[in-house]
């Protein structure tokens, strides 16, 4: 499980991104990169990291379900995600 500080930090980034998104678009459209540089660095959408909704794990994230591969496998095996089966051939 990821440390709580990393999860909280990522959530703060998400809030900043939504807060400054409109302003960033306007500044980019105008070409005012000096003012764009003065905005908080964490307001850039590139700095946001997809994390598992349950464990906070940053790698192996499955976007469609919002969880990492390990949690996804447990949920599928337990039958909590309908319509998904373990493949075998």
PDB file of N, CA and C in Angstrom:
ATOM      1  N   UNK A   1       0.840  -1.180   0.000  1.00  0.00           N
ATOM      2  CA  UNK A   1       0.000   0.000   0.000  1.00  0.00           C
ATOM      3  C   UNK A   1       0.882   1.238   0.000  1.00  0.00           C
ATOM      4  N   UNK A   2       0.473   2.227  -0.762  1.00  0.00           N
ATOM      5  CA  UNK A   2       1.230   3.474  -0.858  1.00  0.00           C
ATOM      6  C   UNK A   2       1.105   4.246   0.450  1.00  0.00           C
ATOM      7  N   UNK A   3       2.114   5.065   0.719  1.00  0.00           N
ATOM      8  CA  UNK A   3       2.044   5.864   1.934  1.00  0.00           C
ATOM      9  C   UNK A   3       0.909   6.882   1.811  1.00  0.00           C
ATOM     10  N   UNK A   4       0.336   7.202   2.942  1.00  0.00           N
ATOM     11  CA  UNK A   4      -0.808   8.120   2.969  1.00  0.00           C
ATOM     12  C   UNK A   4      -0.417   9.482   2.408  1.00  0.00           C
ATOM     13  N   UNK A   5       0.828   9.897   2.653  1.00  0.00           N
ATOM     14  CA  UNK A   5       1.266  11.214   2.178  1.00  0.00           C
ATOM     15  C   UNK A   5       1.239  11.300   0.657  1.00  0.00           C
ATOM     16  N   UNK A   6       1.605  10.221  -0.022  1.00  0.00           N
ATOM     17  CA  UNK A   6       1.585  10.218  -1.488  1.00  0.00           C
ATOM     18  C   UNK A   6       0.158  10.304  -2.020  1.00  0.00           C
ATOM     19  N   UNK A   7      -0.756   9.615  -1.369  1.00  0.00           N
ATOM     20  CA  UNK A   7      -2.154   9.639  -1.797  1.00  0.00           C
ATOM     21  C   UNK A   7      -2.738  11.041  -1.594  1.00  0.00           C
ATOM     22  N   UNK A   8      -2.450  11.646  -0.445  1.00  0.00           N
ATOM     23  CA  UNK A   8      -2.954  12.984  -0.139  1.00  0.00           C
ATOM     24  C   UNK A   8      -2.352  14.005  -1.096  1.00  0.00           C
ATOM     25  N   UNK A   9      -1.061  13.870  -1.366  1.00  0.00           N
ATOM     26  CA  UNK A   9      -0.376  14.785  -2.280  1.00  0.00           C
ATOM     27  C   UNK A   9      -0.999  14.718  -3.674  1.00  0.00           C
ATOM     28  N   UNK A  10      -1.314  13.540  -4.123  1.00  0.00           N
ATOM     29  CA  UNK A  10      -1.925  13.362  -5.434  1.00  0.00           C
ATOM     30  C   UNK A  10      -3.326  13.976  -5.478  1.00  0.00           C
ATOM     31  N   UNK A  11      -4.073  13.871  -4.382  1.00  0.00           N
ATOM     32  CA  UNK A  11      -5.404  14.469  -4.324  1.00  0.00           C
ATOM     33  C   UNK A  11      -5.322  15.994  -4.345  1.00  0.00           C
ATOM     34  N   UNK A  12      -4.311  16.555  -3.689  1.00  0.00           N
ATOM     35  CA  UNK A  12      -4.119  18.003  -3.726  1.00  0.00           C
ATOM     36  C   UNK A  12      -3.823  18.464  -5.157  1.00  0.00           C
ATOM     37  N   UNK A  13      -3.047  17.666  -5.866  1.00  0.00           N
ATOM     38  CA  UNK A  13      -2.755  17.977  -7.261  1.00  0.00           C
ATOM     39  C   UNK A  13      -4.033  17.970  -8.091  1.00  0.00           C
ATOM     40  N   UNK A  14      -4.897  16.995  -7.846  1.00  0.00           N
ATOM     41  CA  UNK A  14      -6.148  16.896  -8.594  1.00  0.00           C
ATOM     42  C   UNK A  14      -7.013  18.135  -8.372  1.00  0.00           C
ATOM     43  N   UNK A  15      -7.053  18.626  -7.136  1.00  0.00           N
ATOM     44  CA  UNK A  15      -7.830  19.825  -6.818  1.00  0.00           C
ATOM     45  C   UNK A  15      -7.241  21.045  -7.522  1.00  0.00           C
ATOM     46  N   UNK A  16      -5.906  21.183  -7.483  1.00  0.00           N
ATOM     47  CA  UNK A  16      -5.252  22.315  -8.142  1.00  0.00           C
ATOM     48  C   UNK A  16      -5.460  22.286  -9.648  1.00  0.00           C
ATOM     49  N   UNK A  17      -5.431  21.110 -10.229  1.00  0.00           N
ATOM     50  CA  UNK A  17      -5.628  20.983 -11.678  1.00  0.00           C
ATOM     51  C   UNK A  17      -7.016  21.483 -12.064  1.00  0.00           C
ATOM     52  N   UNK A  18      -8.024  21.070 -11.311  1.00  0.00           N
ATOM     53  CA  UNK A  18      -9.381  21.517 -11.632  1.00  0.00           C
ATOM     54  C   UNK A  18      -9.556  23.011 -11.370  1.00  0.00           C
ATOM     55  N   UNK A  19      -8.856  23.540 -10.370  1.00  0.00           N
ATOM     56  CA  UNK A  19      -8.981  24.952 -10.029  1.00  0.00           C
ATOM     57  C   UNK A  19      -8.374  25.860 -11.109  1.00  0.00           C
ATOM     58  N   UNK A  20      -7.215  25.459 -11.650  1.00  0.00           N
ATOM     59  CA  UNK A  20      -6.484  26.306 -12.590  1.00  0.00           C
ATOM     60  C   UNK A  20      -6.649  25.899 -14.057  1.00  0.00           C
ATOM     61  N   UNK A  21      -7.464  24.920 -14.346  1.00  0.00           N
ATOM     62  CA  UNK A  21      -7.558  24.428 -15.725  1.00  0.00           C
ATOM     63  C   UNK A  21      -8.036  25.501 -16.694  1.00  0.00           C
ATOM     64  N   UNK A  22      -9.039  26.243 -16.286  1.00  0.00           N
ATOM     65  CA  UNK A  22      -9.585  27.299 -17.155  1.00  0.00           C
ATOM     66  C   UNK A  22      -8.535  28.384 -17.424  1.00  0.00           C
ATOM     67  N   UNK A  23      -7.847  28.787 -16.365  1.00  0.00           N
ATOM     68  CA  UNK A  23      -6.832  29.833 -16.487  1.00  0.00           C
ATOM     69  C   UNK A  23      -5.671  29.368 -17.358  1.00  0.00           C
ATOM     70  N   UNK A  24      -5.276  28.103 -17.196  1.00  0.00           N
ATOM     71  CA  UNK A  24      -4.179  27.560 -18.004  1.00  0.00           C
ATOM     72  C   UNK A  24      -4.547  27.550 -19.487  1.00  0.00           C
ATOM     73  N   UNK A  25      -5.786  27.164 -19.789  1.00  0.00           N
ATOM     74  CA  UNK A  25      -6.237  27.151 -21.184  1.00  0.00           C
ATOM     75  C   UNK A  25      -6.174  28.541 -21.792  1.00  0.00           C
ATOM     76  N   UNK A  26      -6.665  29.544 -21.053  1.00  0.00           N
ATOM     77  CA  UNK A  26      -6.659  30.924 -21.558  1.00  0.00           C
ATOM     78  C   UNK A  26      -5.241  31.426 -21.805  1.00  0.00           C
ATOM     79  N   UNK A  27      -4.349  31.160 -20.858  1.00  0.00           N
ATOM     80  CA  UNK A  27      -2.962  31.623 -21.011  1.00  0.00           C
ATOM     81  C   UNK A  27      -2.260  30.922 -22.176  1.00  0.00           C
ATOM     82  N   UNK A  28      -2.544  29.644 -22.373  1.00  0.00           N
ATOM     83  CA  UNK A  28      -1.939  28.916 -23.494  1.00  0.00           C
ATOM     84  C   UNK A  28      -2.459  29.453 -24.824  1.00  0.00           C
ATOM     85  N   UNK A  29      -3.766  29.742 -24.866  1.00  0.00           N
ATOM     86  CA  UNK A  29      -4.361  30.274 -26.092  1.00  0.00           C
ATOM     87  C   UNK A  29      -3.758  31.636 -26.454  1.00  0.00           C
ATOM     88  N   UNK A  30      -3.510  32.468 -25.430  1.00  0.00           N
ATOM     89  CA  UNK A  30      -2.924  33.792 -25.657  1.00  0.00           C
ATOM     90  C   UNK A  30      -1.427  33.721 -25.953  1.00  0.00           C
ATOM     91  N   UNK A  31      -0.794  32.640 -25.539  1.00  0.00           N
ATOM     92  CA  UNK A  31       0.656  32.509 -25.728  1.00  0.00           C
ATOM     93  C   UNK A  31       1.445  33.222 -24.647  1.00  0.00           C
ATOM     94  N   UNK A  32       0.817  33.495 -23.511  1.00  0.00           N
ATOM     95  CA  UNK A  32       1.471  34.185 -22.401  1.00  0.00           C
ATOM     96  C   UNK A  32       2.155  33.159 -21.492  1.00  0.00           C
ATOM     97  N   UNK A  33       3.324  32.710 -21.909  1.00  0.00           N
ATOM     98  CA  UNK A  33       4.014  31.647 -21.188  1.00  0.00           C
ATOM     99  C   UNK A  33       4.702  32.146 -19.923  1.00  0.00           C
ATOM    100  N   UNK A  34       4.951  33.445 -19.837  1.00  0.00           N
ATOM    101  CA  UNK A  34       5.544  34.005 -18.617  1.00  0.00           C
ATOM    102  C   UNK A  34       4.544  33.911 -17.460  1.00  0.00           C
ATOM    103  N   UNK A  35       3.295  34.246 -17.726  1.00  0.00           N
ATOM    104  CA  UNK A  35       2.263  34.141 -16.690  1.00  0.00           C
ATOM    105  C   UNK A  35       1.931  32.683 -16.398  1.00  0.00           C
ATOM    106  N   UNK A  36       2.009  31.864 -17.399  1.00  0.00           N
ATOM    107  CA  UNK A  36       1.747  30.435 -17.223  1.00  0.00           C
ATOM    108  C   UNK A  36       2.794  29.813 -16.302  1.00  0.00           C
ATOM    109  N   UNK A  37       4.014  30.312 -16.390  1.00  0.00           N
ATOM    110  CA  UNK A  37       5.103  29.801 -15.556  1.00  0.00           C
ATOM    111  C   UNK A  37       4.930  30.188 -14.090  1.00  0.00           C
ATOM    112  N   UNK A  38       4.175  31.232 -13.815  1.00  0.00           N
ATOM    113  CA  UNK A  38       3.971  31.696 -12.442  1.00  0.00           C
ATOM    114  C   UNK A  38       2.885  30.908 -11.702  1.00  0.00           C
ATOM    115  N   UNK A  39       2.101  30.135 -12.434  1.00  0.00           N
ATOM    116  CA  UNK A  39       1.082  29.299 -11.798  1.00  0.00           C
ATOM    117  C   UNK A  39       1.760  28.179 -11.014  1.00  0.00           C
ATOM    118  N   UNK A  40       1.072  27.604 -10.021  1.00  0.00           N
ATOM    119  CA  UNK A  40       1.671  26.506  -9.263  1.00  0.00           C
ATOM    120  C   UNK A  40       2.039  25.322 -10.168  1.00  0.00           C
ATOM    121  N   UNK A  41       3.180  24.719  -9.907  1.00  0.00           N
ATOM    122  CA  UNK A  41       3.638  23.604 -10.739  1.00  0.00           C
ATOM    123  C   UNK A  41       2.684  22.412 -10.662  1.00  0.00           C
ATOM    124  N   UNK A  42       2.092  22.208  -9.490  1.00  0.00           N
ATOM    125  CA  UNK A  42       1.182  21.075  -9.328  1.00  0.00           C
ATOM    126  C   UNK A  42      -0.167  21.291  -9.999  1.00  0.00           C
ATOM    127  N   UNK A  43      -0.375  22.452 -10.609  1.00  0.00           N
ATOM    128  CA  UNK A  43      -1.634  22.670 -11.322  1.00  0.00           C
ATOM    129  C   UNK A  43      -1.561  22.151 -12.756  1.00  0.00           C
ATOM    130  N   UNK A  44      -0.402  21.635 -13.146  1.00  0.00           N
ATOM    131  CA  UNK A  44      -0.250  21.059 -14.476  1.00  0.00           C
ATOM    132  C   UNK A  44      -0.802  19.634 -14.482  1.00  0.00           C
ATOM    133  N   UNK A  45      -1.640  19.286 -15.456  1.00  0.00           N
ATOM    134  CA  UNK A  45      -2.230  17.939 -15.484  1.00  0.00           C
ATOM    135  C   UNK A  45      -1.206  16.819 -15.672  1.00  0.00           C
ATOM    136  N   UNK A  46      -0.031  17.144 -16.147  1.00  0.00           N
ATOM    137  CA  UNK A  46       0.988  16.129 -16.375  1.00  0.00           C
ATOM    138  C   UNK A  46       1.515  15.564 -15.052  1.00  0.00           C
ATOM    139  N   UNK A  47       1.419  16.339 -13.994  1.00  0.00           N
ATOM    140  CA  UNK A  47       1.963  15.921 -12.702  1.00  0.00           C
ATOM    141  C   UNK A  47       1.027  14.989 -11.929  1.00  0.00           C
ATOM    142  N   UNK A  48      -0.215  14.827 -12.391  1.00  0.00           N
ATOM    143  CA  UNK A  48      -1.158  13.935 -11.721  1.00  0.00           C
ATOM    144  C   UNK A  48      -0.810  12.487 -12.049  1.00  0.00           C
ATOM    145  N   UNK A  49      -0.892  11.619 -11.054  1.00  0.00           N
ATOM    146  CA  UNK A  49      -0.545  10.212 -11.227  1.00  0.00           C
ATOM    147  C   UNK A  49      -1.769   9.362 -10.946  1.00  0.00           C
ATOM    148  N   UNK A  50      -2.118   8.477 -11.870  1.00  0.00           N
ATOM    149  CA  UNK A  50      -3.227   7.553 -11.623  1.00  0.00           C
ATOM    150  C   UNK A  50      -2.818   6.575 -10.533  1.00  0.00           C
ATOM    151  N   UNK A  51      -3.666   6.433  -9.539  1.00  0.00           N
ATOM    152  CA  UNK A  51      -3.386   5.524  -8.433  1.00  0.00           C
ATOM    153  C   UNK A  51      -4.603   4.650  -8.168  1.00  0.00           C
ATOM    154  N   UNK A  52      -4.343   3.470  -7.622  1.00  0.00           N
ATOM    155  CA  UNK A  52      -5.409   2.538  -7.267  1.00  0.00           C
ATOM    156  C   UNK A  52      -6.319   3.188  -6.235  1.00  0.00           C
ATOM    157  N   UNK A  53      -7.612   3.035  -6.407  1.00  0.00           N
ATOM    158  CA  UNK A  53      -8.569   3.620  -5.486  1.00  0.00           C
ATOM    159  C   UNK A  53      -8.611   2.939  -4.138  1.00  0.00           C
ATOM    160  N   UNK A  54      -8.078   1.729  -4.043  1.00  0.00           N
ATOM    161  CA  UNK A  54      -8.130   0.981  -2.792  1.00  0.00           C
ATOM    162  C   UNK A  54      -6.786   1.010  -2.063  1.00  0.00           C
ATOM    163  N   UNK A  55      -5.710   0.697  -2.789  1.00  0.00           N
ATOM    164  CA  UNK A  55      -4.399   0.619  -2.146  1.00  0.00           C
ATOM    165  C   UNK A  55      -3.524   1.836  -2.374  1.00  0.00           C
ATOM    166  N   UNK A  56      -3.806   2.613  -3.407  1.00  0.00           N
ATOM    167  CA  UNK A  56      -2.967   3.766  -3.721  1.00  0.00           C
ATOM    168  C   UNK A  56      -1.754   3.417  -4.550  1.00  0.00           C
ATOM    169  N   UNK A  57      -1.691   2.201  -5.041  1.00  0.00           N
ATOM    170  CA  UNK A  57      -0.545   1.744  -5.821  1.00  0.00           C
ATOM    171  C   UNK A  57      -0.485   2.485  -7.157  1.00  0.00           C
ATOM    172  N   UNK A  58       0.705   3.044  -7.527  1.00  0.00           N
ATOM    173  CA  UNK A  58       0.786   3.844  -8.746  1.00  0.00           C
ATOM    174  C   UNK A  58       1.016   3.051 -10.026  1.00  0.00           C
ATOM    175  N   UNK A  59       1.441   1.809  -9.909  1.00  0.00           N
ATOM    176  CA  UNK A  59       1.751   1.028 -11.118  1.00  0.00           C
ATOM    177  C   UNK A  59       0.718  -0.053 -11.350  1.00  0.00           C
ATOM    178  N   UNK A  60       0.608  -0.473 -12.593  1.00  0.00           N
ATOM    179  CA  UNK A  60      -0.342  -1.530 -12.932  1.00  0.00           C
ATOM    180  C   UNK A  60      -1.779  -1.060 -12.808  1.00  0.00           C
ATOM    181  N   UNK A  61      -2.016   0.207 -13.057  1.00  0.00           N
ATOM    182  CA  UNK A  61      -3.345   0.807 -12.907  1.00  0.00           C
ATOM    183  C   UNK A  61      -4.210   0.470 -14.113  1.00  0.00           C
ATOM    184  N   UNK A  62      -5.427  -0.005 -13.873  1.00  0.00           N
ATOM    185  CA  UNK A  62      -6.378  -0.289 -14.937  1.00  0.00           C
ATOM    186  C   UNK A  62      -7.414   0.821 -14.909  1.00  0.00           C
ATOM    187  N   UNK A  63      -7.348   1.698 -15.894  1.00  0.00           N
ATOM    188  CA  UNK A  63      -8.144   2.924 -15.911  1.00  0.00           C
ATOM    189  C   UNK A  63      -9.647   2.653 -15.904  1.00  0.00           C
ATOM    190  N   UNK A  64     -10.069   1.645 -16.635  1.00  0.00           N
ATOM    191  CA  UNK A  64     -11.503   1.370 -16.763  1.00  0.00           C
ATOM    192  C   UNK A  64     -12.145   1.033 -15.418  1.00  0.00           C
ATOM    193  N   UNK A  65     -11.391   0.396 -14.536  1.00  0.00           N
ATOM    194  CA  UNK A  65     -11.934  -0.027 -13.252  1.00  0.00           C
ATOM    195  C   UNK A  65     -11.433   0.815 -12.091  1.00  0.00           C
ATOM    196  N   UNK A  66     -10.378   1.604 -12.295  1.00  0.00           N
ATOM    197  CA  UNK A  66      -9.872   2.494 -11.261  1.00  0.00           C
ATOM    198  C   UNK A  66      -9.094   1.811 -10.156  1.00  0.00           C
ATOM    199  N   UNK A  67      -8.596   0.599 -10.439  1.00  0.00           N
ATOM    200  CA  UNK A  67      -7.811  -0.132  -9.448  1.00  0.00           C
ATOM    201  C   UNK A  67      -6.558  -0.702 -10.104  1.00  0.00           C
ATOM    202  N   UNK A  68      -5.614  -1.151  -9.259  1.00  0.00           N
ATOM    203  CA  UNK A  68      -4.399  -1.762  -9.801  1.00  0.00           C
ATOM    204  C   UNK A  68      -4.672  -3.225 -10.157  1.00  0.00           C
ATOM    205  N   UNK A  69      -3.729  -3.823 -10.834  1.00  0.00           N
ATOM    206  CA  UNK A  69      -3.913  -5.186 -11.337  1.00  0.00           C
ATOM    207  C   UNK A  69      -4.100  -6.200 -10.215  1.00  0.00           C
ATOM    208  N   UNK A  70      -3.425  -6.000  -9.076  1.00  0.00           N
ATOM    209  CA  UNK A  70      -3.529  -6.951  -7.967  1.00  0.00           C
ATOM    210  C   UNK A  70      -4.932  -6.941  -7.360  1.00  0.00           C
ATOM    211  N   UNK A  71      -5.441  -5.750  -7.111  1.00  0.00           N
ATOM    212  CA  UNK A  71      -6.783  -5.612  -6.543  1.00  0.00           C
ATOM    213  C   UNK A  71      -7.821  -6.074  -7.558  1.00  0.00           C
ATOM    214  N   UNK A  72      -7.585  -5.764  -8.830  1.00  0.00           N
ATOM    215  CA  UNK A  72      -8.502  -6.189  -9.887  1.00  0.00           C
ATOM    216  C   UNK A  72      -8.641  -7.707  -9.892  1.00  0.00           C
ATOM    217  N   UNK A  73      -7.524  -8.405  -9.788  1.00  0.00           N
ATOM    218  CA  UNK A  73      -7.554  -9.873  -9.791  1.00  0.00           C
ATOM    219  C   UNK A  73      -8.341 -10.402  -8.592  1.00  0.00           C
ATOM    220  N   UNK A  74      -8.141  -9.799  -7.419  1.00  0.00           N
ATOM    221  CA  UNK A  74      -8.875 -10.236  -6.233  1.00  0.00           C
ATOM    222  C   UNK A  74     -10.381  -9.996  -6.387  1.00  0.00           C
ATOM    223  N   UNK A  75     -10.733  -8.832  -6.933  1.00  0.00           N
ATOM    224  CA  UNK A  75     -12.154  -8.510  -7.101  1.00  0.00           C
ATOM    225  C   UNK A  75     -12.820  -9.434  -8.108  1.00  0.00           C
ATOM    226  N   UNK A  76     -12.107  -9.751  -9.188  1.00  0.00           N
ATOM    227  CA  UNK A  76     -12.659 -10.650 -10.202  1.00  0.00           C
ATOM    228  C   UNK A  76     -12.801 -12.056  -9.636  1.00  0.00           C
ATOM    229  N   UNK A  77     -11.803 -12.518  -8.912  1.00  0.00           N
ATOM    230  CA  UNK A  77     -11.862 -13.865  -8.334  1.00  0.00           C
ATOM    231  C   UNK A  77     -12.995 -13.990  -7.326  1.00  0.00           C
ATOM    232  N   UNK A  78     -13.267 -12.909  -6.606  1.00  0.00           N
ATOM    233  CA  UNK A  78     -14.334 -12.922  -5.608  1.00  0.00           C
ATOM    234  C   UNK A  78     -15.712 -12.737  -6.229  1.00  0.00           C
ATOM    235  N   UNK A  79     -15.756 -12.322  -7.501  1.00  0.00           N
ATOM    236  CA  UNK A  79     -17.017 -12.148  -8.191  1.00  0.00           C
ATOM    237  C   UNK A  79     -17.643 -10.779  -7.993  1.00  0.00           C
ATOM    238  N   UNK A  80     -16.857  -9.790  -7.561  1.00  0.00           N
ATOM    239  CA  UNK A  80     -17.390  -8.447  -7.342  1.00  0.00           C
ATOM    240  C   UNK A  80     -17.512  -7.634  -8.622  1.00  0.00           C
ATOM    241  N   UNK A  81     -16.807  -8.041  -9.681  1.00  0.00           N
ATOM    242  CA  UNK A  81     -16.909  -7.343 -10.958  1.00  0.00           C
ATOM    243  C   UNK A  81     -17.635  -8.274 -11.923  1.00  0.00           C
ATOM    244  N   UNK A  82     -18.882  -7.947 -12.264  1.00  0.00           N
ATOM    245  CA  UNK A  82     -19.644  -8.838 -13.135  1.00  0.00           C
ATOM    246  C   UNK A  82     -19.166  -8.770 -14.583  1.00  0.00           C
ATOM    247  N   UNK A  83     -19.267  -9.892 -15.267  1.00  0.00           N
ATOM    248  CA  UNK A  83     -18.939  -9.939 -16.697  1.00  0.00           C
ATOM    249  C   UNK A  83     -17.477 -10.154 -16.988  1.00  0.00           C
ATOM    250  N   UNK A  84     -16.643 -10.308 -15.968  1.00  0.00           N
ATOM    251  CA  UNK A  84     -15.218 -10.529 -16.190  1.00  0.00           C
ATOM    252  C   UNK A  84     -14.877 -11.914 -15.674  1.00  0.00           C
ATOM    253  N   UNK A  85     -14.197 -12.688 -16.510  1.00  0.00           N
ATOM    254  CA  UNK A  85     -13.815 -14.037 -16.128  1.00  0.00           C
ATOM    255  C   UNK A  85     -12.327 -14.227 -16.296  1.00  0.00           C
ATOM    256  N   UNK A  86     -11.770 -15.152 -15.576  1.00  0.00           N
ATOM    257  CA  UNK A  86     -10.377 -15.514 -15.744  1.00  0.00           C
ATOM    258  C   UNK A  86     -10.267 -16.300 -17.051  1.00  0.00           C
ATOM    259  N   UNK A  87      -9.300 -15.903 -17.870  1.00  0.00           N
ATOM    260  CA  UNK A  87      -9.180 -16.556 -19.169  1.00  0.00           C
ATOM    261  C   UNK A  87      -8.398 -17.857 -19.043  1.00  0.00           C
ATOM    262  N   UNK A  88      -8.717 -18.790 -19.905  1.00  0.00           N
ATOM    263  CA  UNK A  88      -7.957 -20.034 -19.977  1.00  0.00           C
ATOM    264  C   UNK A  88      -8.057 -20.543 -21.405  1.00  0.00           C
ATOM    265  N   UNK A  89      -6.965 -21.082 -21.913  1.00  0.00           N
ATOM    266  CA  UNK A  89      -6.957 -21.598 -23.269  1.00  0.00           C
ATOM    267  C   UNK A  89      -6.088 -22.812 -23.380  1.00  0.00           C
TER     268      UNK A  89
END
